[in-house]
Amino acid sequence: METLWDKIAGSKAKFWQLYAVKGGIIYIKASVPAARHELLIKERDLITELNKNFDKPWVKQISIV
């Protein structure tokens, strides 16, 4: 999942670190406030892109820790 996250996050991966995955929720650490804000704005698009890589969509939410 970490490789997929890095691919989907692109250049923002250095600011959005995958922390954990549990029960359809992906937990992300945002390193700076601006990255946190951008993650909130792009959450829906990121979930859609992640789910395209699975037979059955299972990612329901991104939570920032």
PDB file of N, CA and C in Angstrom:
ATOM      1  N   MET A   1       0.826  -1.188   0.000  1.00  0.00           N
ATOM      2  CA  MET A   1       0.000   0.000   0.000  1.00  0.00           C
ATOM      3  C   MET A   1       0.877   1.262   0.000  1.00  0.00           C
ATOM      4  N   GLU A   2       2.029   1.175   0.635  1.00  0.00           N
ATOM      5  CA  GLU A   2       2.901   2.343   0.700  1.00  0.00           C
ATOM      6  C   GLU A   2       3.372   2.773  -0.692  1.00  0.00           C
ATOM      7  N   THR A   3       3.712   1.823  -1.533  1.00  0.00           N
ATOM      8  CA  THR A   3       4.143   2.136  -2.898  1.00  0.00           C
ATOM      9  C   THR A   3       3.010   2.787  -3.679  1.00  0.00           C
ATOM     10  N   LEU A   4       1.812   2.242  -3.535  1.00  0.00           N
ATOM     11  CA  LEU A   4       0.645   2.799  -4.220  1.00  0.00           C
ATOM     12  C   LEU A   4       0.371   4.216  -3.717  1.00  0.00           C
ATOM     13  N   TRP A   5       0.449   4.420  -2.410  1.00  0.00           N
ATOM     14  CA  TRP A   5       0.213   5.749  -1.852  1.00  0.00           C
ATOM     15  C   TRP A   5       1.216   6.753  -2.412  1.00  0.00           C
ATOM     16  N   ASP A   6       2.486   6.372  -2.449  1.00  0.00           N
ATOM     17  CA  ASP A   6       3.515   7.269  -2.988  1.00  0.00           C
ATOM     18  C   ASP A   6       3.235   7.623  -4.444  1.00  0.00           C
ATOM     19  N   LYS A   7       2.762   6.653  -5.198  1.00  0.00           N
ATOM     20  CA  LYS A   7       2.437   6.890  -6.610  1.00  0.00           C
ATOM     21  C   LYS A   7       1.257   7.859  -6.747  1.00  0.00           C
ATOM     22  N   ILE A   8       0.207   7.633  -5.976  1.00  0.00           N
ATOM     23  CA  ILE A   8      -1.003   8.468  -6.051  1.00  0.00           C
ATOM     24  C   ILE A   8      -0.708   9.881  -5.518  1.00  0.00           C
ATOM     25  N   ALA A   9       0.035   9.965  -4.432  1.00  0.00           N
ATOM     26  CA  ALA A   9       0.328  11.266  -3.824  1.00  0.00           C
ATOM     27  C   ALA A   9       1.311  12.081  -4.665  1.00  0.00           C
ATOM     28  N   GLY A  10       2.132  11.400  -5.451  1.00  0.00           N
ATOM     29  CA  GLY A  10       3.082  12.089  -6.321  1.00  0.00           C
ATOM     30  C   GLY A  10       4.086  12.919  -5.544  1.00  0.00           C
ATOM     31  N   SER A  11       4.282  14.145  -5.976  1.00  0.00           N
ATOM     32  CA  SER A  11       5.279  15.007  -5.332  1.00  0.00           C
ATOM     33  C   SER A  11       4.895  15.385  -3.900  1.00  0.00           C
ATOM     34  N   LYS A  12       3.644  15.200  -3.533  1.00  0.00           N
ATOM     35  CA  LYS A  12       3.187  15.519  -2.177  1.00  0.00           C
ATOM     36  C   LYS A  12       3.504  14.403  -1.191  1.00  0.00           C
ATOM     37  N   ALA A  13       3.970  13.257  -1.676  1.00  0.00           N
ATOM     38  CA  ALA A  13       4.254  12.112  -0.805  1.00  0.00           C
ATOM     39  C   ALA A  13       5.273  12.463   0.274  1.00  0.00           C
ATOM     40  N   LYS A  14       6.159  13.394  -0.006  1.00  0.00           N
ATOM     41  CA  LYS A  14       7.150  13.767   1.008  1.00  0.00           C
ATOM     42  C   LYS A  14       6.506  14.538   2.161  1.00  0.00           C
ATOM     43  N   PHE A  15       5.309  15.093   1.946  1.00  0.00           N
ATOM     44  CA  PHE A  15       4.583  15.816   2.989  1.00  0.00           C
ATOM     45  C   PHE A  15       3.461  14.984   3.605  1.00  0.00           C
ATOM     46  N   TRP A  16       3.015  13.932   2.867  1.00  0.00           N
ATOM     47  CA  TRP A  16       1.915  13.079   3.308  1.00  0.00           C
ATOM     48  C   TRP A  16       2.437  11.672   3.544  1.00  0.00           C
ATOM     49  N   GLN A  17       2.763  11.335   4.772  1.00  0.00           N
ATOM     50  CA  GLN A  17       3.331  10.034   5.082  1.00  0.00           C
ATOM     51  C   GLN A  17       2.232   9.059   5.490  1.00  0.00           C
ATOM     52  N   LEU A  18       2.210   7.905   4.817  1.00  0.00           N
ATOM     53  CA  LEU A  18       1.264   6.849   5.171  1.00  0.00           C
ATOM     54  C   LEU A  18       1.610   6.338   6.563  1.00  0.00           C
ATOM     55  N   TYR A  19       0.650   6.387   7.478  1.00  0.00           N
ATOM     56  CA  TYR A  19       0.875   5.999   8.860  1.00  0.00           C
ATOM     57  C   TYR A  19       0.298   4.611   9.147  1.00  0.00           C
ATOM     58  N   ALA A  20      -0.965   4.386   8.711  1.00  0.00           N
ATOM     59  CA  ALA A  20      -1.623   3.103   8.962  1.00  0.00           C
ATOM     60  C   ALA A  20      -2.814   2.949   8.024  1.00  0.00           C
ATOM     61  N   VAL A  21      -3.250   1.699   7.893  1.00  0.00           N
ATOM     62  CA  VAL A  21      -4.450   1.384   7.125  1.00  0.00           C
ATOM     63  C   VAL A  21      -5.276   0.435   7.983  1.00  0.00           C
ATOM     64  N   LYS A  22      -6.540   0.796   8.212  1.00  0.00           N
ATOM     65  CA  LYS A  22      -7.376  -0.053   9.054  1.00  0.00           C
ATOM     66  C   LYS A  22      -8.851   0.167   8.719  1.00  0.00           C
ATOM     67  N   GLY A  23      -9.533  -0.908   8.382  1.00  0.00           N
ATOM     68  CA  GLY A  23     -10.979  -0.866   8.192  1.00  0.00           C
ATOM     69  C   GLY A  23     -11.477   0.144   7.177  1.00  0.00           C
ATOM     70  N   GLY A  24     -10.816   0.276   6.058  1.00  0.00           N
ATOM     71  CA  GLY A  24     -11.255   1.202   5.024  1.00  0.00           C
ATOM     72  C   GLY A  24     -10.819   2.639   5.239  1.00  0.00           C
ATOM     73  N   ILE A  25     -10.034   2.863   6.277  1.00  0.00           N
ATOM     74  CA  ILE A  25      -9.536   4.208   6.565  1.00  0.00           C
ATOM     75  C   ILE A  25      -8.017   4.203   6.414  1.00  0.00           C
ATOM     76  N   ILE A  26      -7.524   5.193   5.700  1.00  0.00           N
ATOM     77  CA  ILE A  26      -6.085   5.362   5.539  1.00  0.00           C
ATOM     78  C   ILE A  26      -5.675   6.540   6.428  1.00  0.00           C
ATOM     79  N   TYR A  27      -4.725   6.289   7.302  1.00  0.00           N
ATOM     80  CA  TYR A  27      -4.251   7.309   8.233  1.00  0.00           C
ATOM     81  C   TYR A  27      -2.959   7.913   7.686  1.00  0.00           C
ATOM     82  N   ILE A  28      -2.946   9.219   7.571  1.00  0.00           N
ATOM     83  CA  ILE A  28      -1.838   9.948   6.975  1.00  0.00           C
ATOM     84  C   ILE A  28      -1.313  10.993   7.954  1.00  0.00           C
ATOM     85  N   LYS A  29       0.007  11.096   8.042  1.00  0.00           N
ATOM     86  CA  LYS A  29       0.636  12.181   8.802  1.00  0.00           C
ATOM     87  C   LYS A  29       1.004  13.276   7.804  1.00  0.00           C
ATOM     88  N   ALA A  30       0.531  14.479   8.077  1.00  0.00           N
ATOM     89  CA  ALA A  30       0.877  15.630   7.236  1.00  0.00           C
ATOM     90  C   ALA A  30       1.968  16.412   7.967  1.00  0.00           C
ATOM     91  N   SER A  31       3.078  16.664   7.277  1.00  0.00           N
ATOM     92  CA  SER A  31       4.245  17.245   7.933  1.00  0.00           C
ATOM     93  C   SER A  31       4.154  18.744   8.209  1.00  0.00           C
ATOM     94  N   VAL A  32       3.334  19.449   7.447  1.00  0.00           N
ATOM     95  CA  VAL A  32       3.175  20.898   7.645  1.00  0.00           C
ATOM     96  C   VAL A  32       1.696  21.263   7.492  1.00  0.00           C
ATOM     97  N   PRO A  33       1.258  22.355   8.105  1.00  0.00           N
ATOM     98  CA  PRO A  33      -0.159  22.743   8.022  1.00  0.00           C
ATOM     99  C   PRO A  33      -0.685  22.905   6.593  1.00  0.00           C
ATOM    100  N   ALA A  34       0.120  23.452   5.706  1.00  0.00           N
ATOM    101  CA  ALA A  34      -0.337  23.631   4.322  1.00  0.00           C
ATOM    102  C   ALA A  34      -0.605  22.280   3.657  1.00  0.00           C
ATOM    103  N   ALA A  35       0.224  21.287   3.961  1.00  0.00           N
ATOM    104  CA  ALA A  35       0.028  19.949   3.396  1.00  0.00           C
ATOM    105  C   ALA A  35      -1.240  19.320   3.965  1.00  0.00           C
ATOM    106  N   ARG A  36      -1.504  19.564   5.222  1.00  0.00           N
ATOM    107  CA  ARG A  36      -2.725  19.062   5.874  1.00  0.00           C
ATOM    108  C   ARG A  36      -3.962  19.640   5.184  1.00  0.00           C
ATOM    109  N   HIS A  37      -3.928  20.936   4.942  1.00  0.00           N
ATOM    110  CA  HIS A  37      -5.049  21.617   4.285  1.00  0.00           C
ATOM    111  C   HIS A  37      -5.267  21.070   2.866  1.00  0.00           C
ATOM    112  N   GLU A  38      -4.199  20.918   2.134  1.00  0.00           N
ATOM    113  CA  GLU A  38      -4.312  20.402   0.769  1.00  0.00           C
ATOM    114  C   GLU A  38      -4.846  18.967   0.761  1.00  0.00           C
ATOM    115  N   LEU A  39      -4.434  18.174   1.726  1.00  0.00           N
ATOM    116  CA  LEU A  39      -4.927  16.804   1.834  1.00  0.00           C
ATOM    117  C   LEU A  39      -6.431  16.788   2.072  1.00  0.00           C
ATOM    118  N   LEU A  40      -6.904  17.687   2.919  1.00  0.00           N
ATOM    119  CA  LEU A  40      -8.343  17.793   3.166  1.00  0.00           C
ATOM    120  C   LEU A  40      -9.099  18.139   1.886  1.00  0.00           C
ATOM    121  N   ILE A  41      -8.540  19.040   1.099  1.00  0.00           N
ATOM    122  CA  ILE A  41      -9.182  19.461  -0.149  1.00  0.00           C
ATOM    123  C   ILE A  41      -9.212  18.324  -1.173  1.00  0.00           C
ATOM    124  N   LYS A  42      -8.150  17.540  -1.242  1.00  0.00           N
ATOM    125  CA  LYS A  42      -8.014  16.503  -2.267  1.00  0.00           C
ATOM    126  C   LYS A  42      -8.457  15.117  -1.810  1.00  0.00           C
ATOM    127  N   GLU A  43      -9.004  15.005  -0.615  1.00  0.00           N
ATOM    128  CA  GLU A  43      -9.348  13.695  -0.054  1.00  0.00           C
ATOM    129  C   GLU A  43     -10.203  12.859  -1.003  1.00  0.00           C
ATOM    130  N   ARG A  44     -11.283  13.388  -1.502  1.00  0.00           N
ATOM    131  CA  ARG A  44     -12.198  12.630  -2.381  1.00  0.00           C
ATOM    132  C   ARG A  44     -11.480  12.135  -3.629  1.00  0.00           C
ATOM    133  N   ASP A  45     -10.703  12.985  -4.266  1.00  0.00           N
ATOM    134  CA  ASP A  45      -9.977  12.604  -5.479  1.00  0.00           C
ATOM    135  C   ASP A  45      -8.950  11.512  -5.181  1.00  0.00           C
ATOM    136  N   LEU A  46      -8.261  11.634  -4.055  1.00  0.00           N
ATOM    137  CA  LEU A  46      -7.273  10.621  -3.680  1.00  0.00           C
ATOM    138  C   LEU A  46      -7.935   9.271  -3.417  1.00  0.00           C
ATOM    139  N   ILE A  47      -9.070   9.273  -2.752  1.00  0.00           N
ATOM    140  CA  ILE A  47      -9.804   8.032  -2.484  1.00  0.00           C
ATOM    141  C   ILE A  47     -10.223   7.383  -3.793  1.00  0.00           C
ATOM    142  N   THR A  48     -10.732   8.176  -4.714  1.00  0.00           N
ATOM    143  CA  THR A  48     -11.130   7.660  -6.023  1.00  0.00           C
ATOM    144  C   THR A  48      -9.953   7.032  -6.745  1.00  0.00           C
ATOM    145  N   GLU A  49      -8.814   7.707  -6.760  1.00  0.00           N
ATOM    146  CA  GLU A  49      -7.616   7.183  -7.428  1.00  0.00           C
ATOM    147  C   GLU A  49      -7.114   5.903  -6.762  1.00  0.00           C
ATOM    148  N   LEU A  50      -7.135   5.862  -5.444  1.00  0.00           N
ATOM    149  CA  LEU A  50      -6.705   4.648  -4.736  1.00  0.00           C
ATOM    150  C   LEU A  50      -7.611   3.473  -5.080  1.00  0.00           C
ATOM    151  N   ASN A  51      -8.919   3.694  -5.052  1.00  0.00           N
ATOM    152  CA  ASN A  51      -9.872   2.612  -5.288  1.00  0.00           C
ATOM    153  C   ASN A  51      -9.829   2.067  -6.715  1.00  0.00           C
ATOM    154  N   LYS A  52      -9.321   2.839  -7.651  1.00  0.00           N
ATOM    155  CA  LYS A  52      -9.183   2.360  -9.031  1.00  0.00           C
ATOM    156  C   LYS A  52      -8.208   1.197  -9.125  1.00  0.00           C
ATOM    157  N   ASN A  53      -7.377   1.023  -8.129  1.00  0.00           N
ATOM    158  CA  ASN A  53      -6.347  -0.016  -8.149  1.00  0.00           C
ATOM    159  C   ASN A  53      -6.784  -1.331  -7.514  1.00  0.00           C
ATOM    160  N   PHE A  54      -8.044  -1.429  -7.130  1.00  0.00           N
ATOM    161  CA  PHE A  54      -8.564  -2.634  -6.495  1.00  0.00           C
ATOM    162  C   PHE A  54      -9.818  -3.109  -7.220  1.00  0.00           C
ATOM    163  N   ASP A  55     -10.056  -4.417  -7.179  1.00  0.00           N
ATOM    164  CA  ASP A  55     -11.252  -4.974  -7.816  1.00  0.00           C
ATOM    165  C   ASP A  55     -12.523  -4.420  -7.180  1.00  0.00           C
ATOM    166  N   LYS A  56     -12.500  -4.290  -5.881  1.00  0.00           N
ATOM    167  CA  LYS A  56     -13.654  -3.778  -5.146  1.00  0.00           C
ATOM    168  C   LYS A  56     -13.201  -2.563  -4.326  1.00  0.00           C
ATOM    169  N   PRO A  57     -13.831  -1.397  -4.513  1.00  0.00           N
ATOM    170  CA  PRO A  57     -13.426  -0.213  -3.744  1.00  0.00           C
ATOM    171  C   PRO A  57     -13.582  -0.462  -2.245  1.00  0.00           C
ATOM    172  N   TRP A  58     -12.543  -0.186  -1.497  1.00  0.00           N
ATOM    173  CA  TRP A  58     -12.611  -0.404  -0.052  1.00  0.00           C
ATOM    174  C   TRP A  58     -12.143   0.784   0.764  1.00  0.00           C
ATOM    175  N   VAL A  59     -11.434   1.728   0.138  1.00  0.00           N
ATOM    176  CA  VAL A  59     -10.988   2.917   0.862  1.00  0.00           C
ATOM    177  C   VAL A  59     -12.183   3.855   0.991  1.00  0.00           C
ATOM    178  N   LYS A  60     -12.568   4.153   2.221  1.00  0.00           N
ATOM    179  CA  LYS A  60     -13.734   4.979   2.461  1.00  0.00           C
ATOM    180  C   LYS A  60     -13.368   6.384   2.956  1.00  0.00           C
ATOM    181  N   GLN A  61     -12.208   6.489   3.610  1.00  0.00           N
ATOM    182  CA  GLN A  61     -11.874   7.765   4.245  1.00  0.00           C
ATOM    183  C   GLN A  61     -10.361   7.886   4.395  1.00  0.00           C
ATOM    184  N   ILE A  62      -9.894   9.127   4.382  1.00  0.00           N
ATOM    185  CA  ILE A  62      -8.515   9.440   4.742  1.00  0.00           C
ATOM    186  C   ILE A  62      -8.573  10.262   6.014  1.00  0.00           C
ATOM    187  N   SER A  63      -7.875   9.802   7.024  1.00  0.00           N
ATOM    188  CA  SER A  63      -7.837  10.491   8.299  1.00  0.00           C
ATOM    189  C   SER A  63      -6.435  11.033   8.539  1.00  0.00           C
ATOM    190  N   ILE A  64      -6.367  12.264   8.987  1.00  0.00           N
ATOM    191  CA  ILE A  64      -5.068  12.905   9.231  1.00  0.00           C
ATOM    192  C   ILE A  64      -4.736  12.780  10.708  1.00  0.00           C
ATOM    193  N   VAL A  65      -3.549  12.245  10.976  1.00  0.00           N
ATOM    194  CA  VAL A  65      -3.117  12.066  12.383  1.00  0.00           C
ATOM    195  C   VAL A  65      -1.994  13.009  12.710  1.00  0.00           C
TER     196      VAL A  65
END
